[in-house]
Protein backbone atom coordinates (compact mmCIF):
# COMPACT_ATOMS: atom_id res chain seq x y z
CA UNK A 1 119.45 137.56 95.79
CA UNK A 2 118.16 135.80 98.92
CA UNK A 3 114.58 136.10 97.63
CA UNK A 4 115.50 134.49 94.31
CA UNK A 5 117.21 131.59 96.09
CA UNK A 6 114.12 131.12 98.26
CA UNK A 7 112.00 130.82 95.12
CA UNK A 8 114.43 128.70 93.10
CA UNK A 9 115.18 126.05 95.76
CA UNK A 10 111.59 124.73 96.00
CA UNK A 11 111.35 124.71 92.20
CA UNK A 12 114.55 122.66 91.97
CA UNK A 13 113.21 120.21 94.56
CA UNK A 14 109.92 119.86 92.68
CA UNK A 15 111.79 119.13 89.45
CA UNK A 16 114.20 116.70 91.12
CA UNK A 17 111.38 114.84 92.93
CA UNK A 18 108.23 115.21 90.79
CA UNK A 19 106.41 112.55 92.79
CA UNK A 20 107.15 114.45 95.96
CA UNK A 21 106.55 118.01 94.83
CA UNK A 22 107.14 120.33 97.75
CA UNK A 23 106.07 123.88 98.27
CA UNK A 24 108.39 126.34 99.97
CA UNK A 25 108.28 124.11 103.01
CA UNK A 26 105.38 125.87 104.67
CA UNK A 27 102.63 124.50 102.45
CA UNK A 28 101.29 121.04 101.82
CA UNK A 29 101.36 118.67 98.89
CA UNK A 30 99.04 116.09 97.43
CA UNK A 31 99.34 113.45 94.76
CA UNK A 32 96.77 111.77 92.60
CA UNK A 33 93.36 113.21 91.95
CA UNK A 34 89.82 112.22 92.77
CA UNK A 35 89.31 111.71 89.02
CA UNK A 36 92.19 109.21 89.00
CA UNK A 37 90.67 107.44 91.98
CA UNK A 38 87.22 107.34 90.37
CA UNK A 39 88.76 105.84 87.23
CA UNK A 40 90.65 103.27 89.33
CA UNK A 41 93.96 104.76 88.25
CA UNK A 42 95.33 106.26 91.44
CA UNK A 43 99.00 107.08 90.87
CA UNK A 44 99.85 109.09 93.98
CA UNK A 45 101.84 108.16 97.06
CA UNK A 46 101.56 104.52 98.09
CA UNK A 47 99.90 103.47 94.82
CA UNK A 48 101.92 100.22 95.08
CA UNK A 49 99.83 99.35 98.18
CA UNK A 50 96.44 100.32 96.86
CA UNK A 51 94.39 103.49 96.93
CA UNK A 52 92.82 105.98 99.32
CA UNK A 53 89.90 104.47 101.19
CA UNK A 54 86.69 105.78 102.67
CA UNK A 55 86.29 105.90 106.44
CA UNK A 56 82.67 104.78 105.92
CA UNK A 57 83.77 101.66 104.00
CA UNK A 58 86.46 100.60 106.48
CA UNK A 59 85.88 97.07 107.76
CA UNK A 60 88.73 97.21 110.25
CA UNK A 61 90.15 99.88 112.56
CA UNK A 62 93.80 99.70 113.55
CA UNK A 63 94.99 101.93 116.38
CA UNK A 64 98.58 103.12 116.16
CA UNK A 65 100.47 104.90 118.93
CA UNK A 66 103.41 107.17 118.11
CA UNK A 67 105.87 108.08 120.85
CA UNK A 68 108.99 110.17 121.34
CA UNK A 69 110.95 106.90 121.67
CA UNK A 70 110.73 107.06 117.85
CA UNK A 71 108.62 103.93 117.69
CA UNK A 72 105.16 102.95 116.51
CA UNK A 73 103.01 100.51 118.46
CA UNK A 74 102.36 98.17 116.83
CA UNK A 75 105.32 98.10 114.46
CA UNK A 76 103.98 95.16 112.44
CA UNK A 77 100.51 94.92 110.93
CA UNK A 78 98.77 92.17 108.93
CA UNK A 79 95.95 93.03 106.53
CA UNK A 80 93.94 91.09 103.97
CA UNK A 81 94.10 92.19 100.34
CA UNK A 82 91.02 94.15 99.30
CA UNK A 83 90.38 95.38 102.82
CA UNK A 84 89.81 99.04 103.62
CA UNK A 85 91.42 99.93 106.93
CA UNK A 86 90.76 102.93 109.15
CA UNK A 87 93.97 103.97 110.89
CA UNK A 88 93.46 105.85 114.16
CA UNK A 89 96.85 107.38 114.94
CA UNK A 90 97.54 108.79 118.41
CA UNK A 91 100.57 110.90 119.25
CA UNK A 92 101.39 110.16 122.89
CA UNK A 93 104.64 112.12 122.69
CA UNK A 94 105.69 115.72 123.17
CA UNK A 95 106.93 116.09 119.57
CA UNK A 96 104.92 116.21 116.35
CA UNK A 97 104.86 112.87 114.53
CA UNK A 98 103.30 111.48 111.36
CA UNK A 99 102.37 108.17 109.85
CA UNK A 100 102.98 107.76 106.12
CA UNK A 101 102.25 104.60 104.10
CA UNK A 102 104.43 103.65 101.14
CA UNK A 103 107.16 101.47 99.73
CA UNK A 104 110.65 101.41 101.22
CA UNK A 105 111.96 103.34 98.20
CA UNK A 106 109.26 106.02 98.64
CA UNK A 107 110.07 106.33 102.34
CA UNK A 108 113.79 106.81 101.76
CA UNK A 109 113.27 109.35 98.99
CA UNK A 110 110.61 111.26 100.91
CA UNK A 111 112.78 111.33 104.05
CA UNK A 112 115.49 113.09 101.99
CA UNK A 113 113.00 115.74 100.85
CA UNK A 114 111.70 116.21 104.40
CA UNK A 115 115.29 116.81 105.58
CA UNK A 116 115.50 119.71 103.12
CA UNK A 117 112.00 121.02 103.90
CA UNK A 118 111.41 120.17 107.58
CA UNK A 119 108.26 122.30 107.94
CA UNK A 120 106.54 120.69 104.94
CA UNK A 121 103.00 119.63 105.82
CA UNK A 122 101.27 116.63 104.26
CA UNK A 123 97.79 116.54 102.80
CA UNK A 124 98.18 113.16 101.17
CA UNK A 125 95.56 110.42 101.51
CA UNK A 126 98.23 107.93 102.69
CA UNK A 127 99.42 110.02 105.62
CA UNK A 128 98.45 111.88 108.74
CA UNK A 129 100.46 114.41 110.77
CA UNK A 130 99.55 114.55 114.44
CA UNK A 131 100.43 117.20 117.00
CA UNK A 132 101.48 116.11 120.52
CA UNK A 133 98.60 114.68 122.55
CA UNK A 134 96.27 114.60 119.53
CA UNK A 135 94.79 111.86 117.35
CA UNK A 136 94.34 111.72 113.58
CA UNK A 137 92.87 109.21 111.17
CA UNK A 138 92.79 108.16 107.55
CA UNK A 139 91.57 105.19 105.51
CA UNK A 140 93.43 103.09 102.98
CA UNK A 141 92.24 100.30 100.70
CA UNK A 142 94.94 97.64 100.29
CA UNK A 143 94.50 96.26 96.77
CA UNK A 144 97.87 94.51 96.40
CA UNK A 145 99.62 91.77 98.36
CA UNK A 146 103.16 92.11 99.66
CA UNK A 147 105.30 93.71 102.34
CA UNK A 148 104.93 97.46 102.65
CA UNK A 149 106.11 100.17 104.99
CA UNK A 150 104.94 103.02 107.14
CA UNK A 151 107.09 105.65 108.83
CA UNK A 152 107.37 109.05 110.43
CA UNK A 153 109.28 111.12 107.90
CA UNK A 154 109.90 114.19 110.02
CA UNK A 155 113.64 114.93 110.01
CA UNK A 156 115.56 112.49 112.20
CA UNK A 157 112.53 110.35 113.11
CA UNK A 158 112.80 107.80 110.27
CA UNK A 159 116.57 107.66 110.72
CA UNK A 160 116.03 106.93 114.45
CA UNK A 161 113.92 103.88 113.61
CA UNK A 162 110.39 105.30 113.55
CA UNK A 163 109.05 102.87 110.96
CA UNK A 164 106.95 99.75 110.65
CA UNK A 165 105.90 96.99 108.24
CA UNK A 166 102.56 95.99 106.78
CA UNK A 167 102.01 92.50 105.44
CA UNK A 168 99.12 92.33 103.00
CA UNK A 169 98.01 88.75 102.34
CA UNK A 170 95.43 87.13 100.09
């Protein structure tokens, strides 16, 4: 019976949150495909902000520090629409942290899923998970203007205030 429950719970989560499909908690998940990106129709995480970028095409590098105080430095970022940004994300803490780009609604929904599957790993183009003392990076092309969010969605981190805002202007 326990084995069936172990198999059914992830399936229920995937059906309840199709945009946040989770494996059994030990795997990773991705959204959108390279074909969607090539066709200019990226529909994965953070599609409201833009699309995955190329590190080679990044015109700007923004360094982010994550700490066990459950804060990002900086917490507020300004970017120009159309710009591809390389995020270099350092974990100066003793706990694992991550940086995930998205809308406020995506962050809240994803935080709920992470609470249920705390060991879930990310392999999404809008996120990076970083072990203590390590640095990670990713690139994002901001194609839309507006106020957007980033956060650490590991259980308890987002709820403790580990989040920030991105202002994308014309």
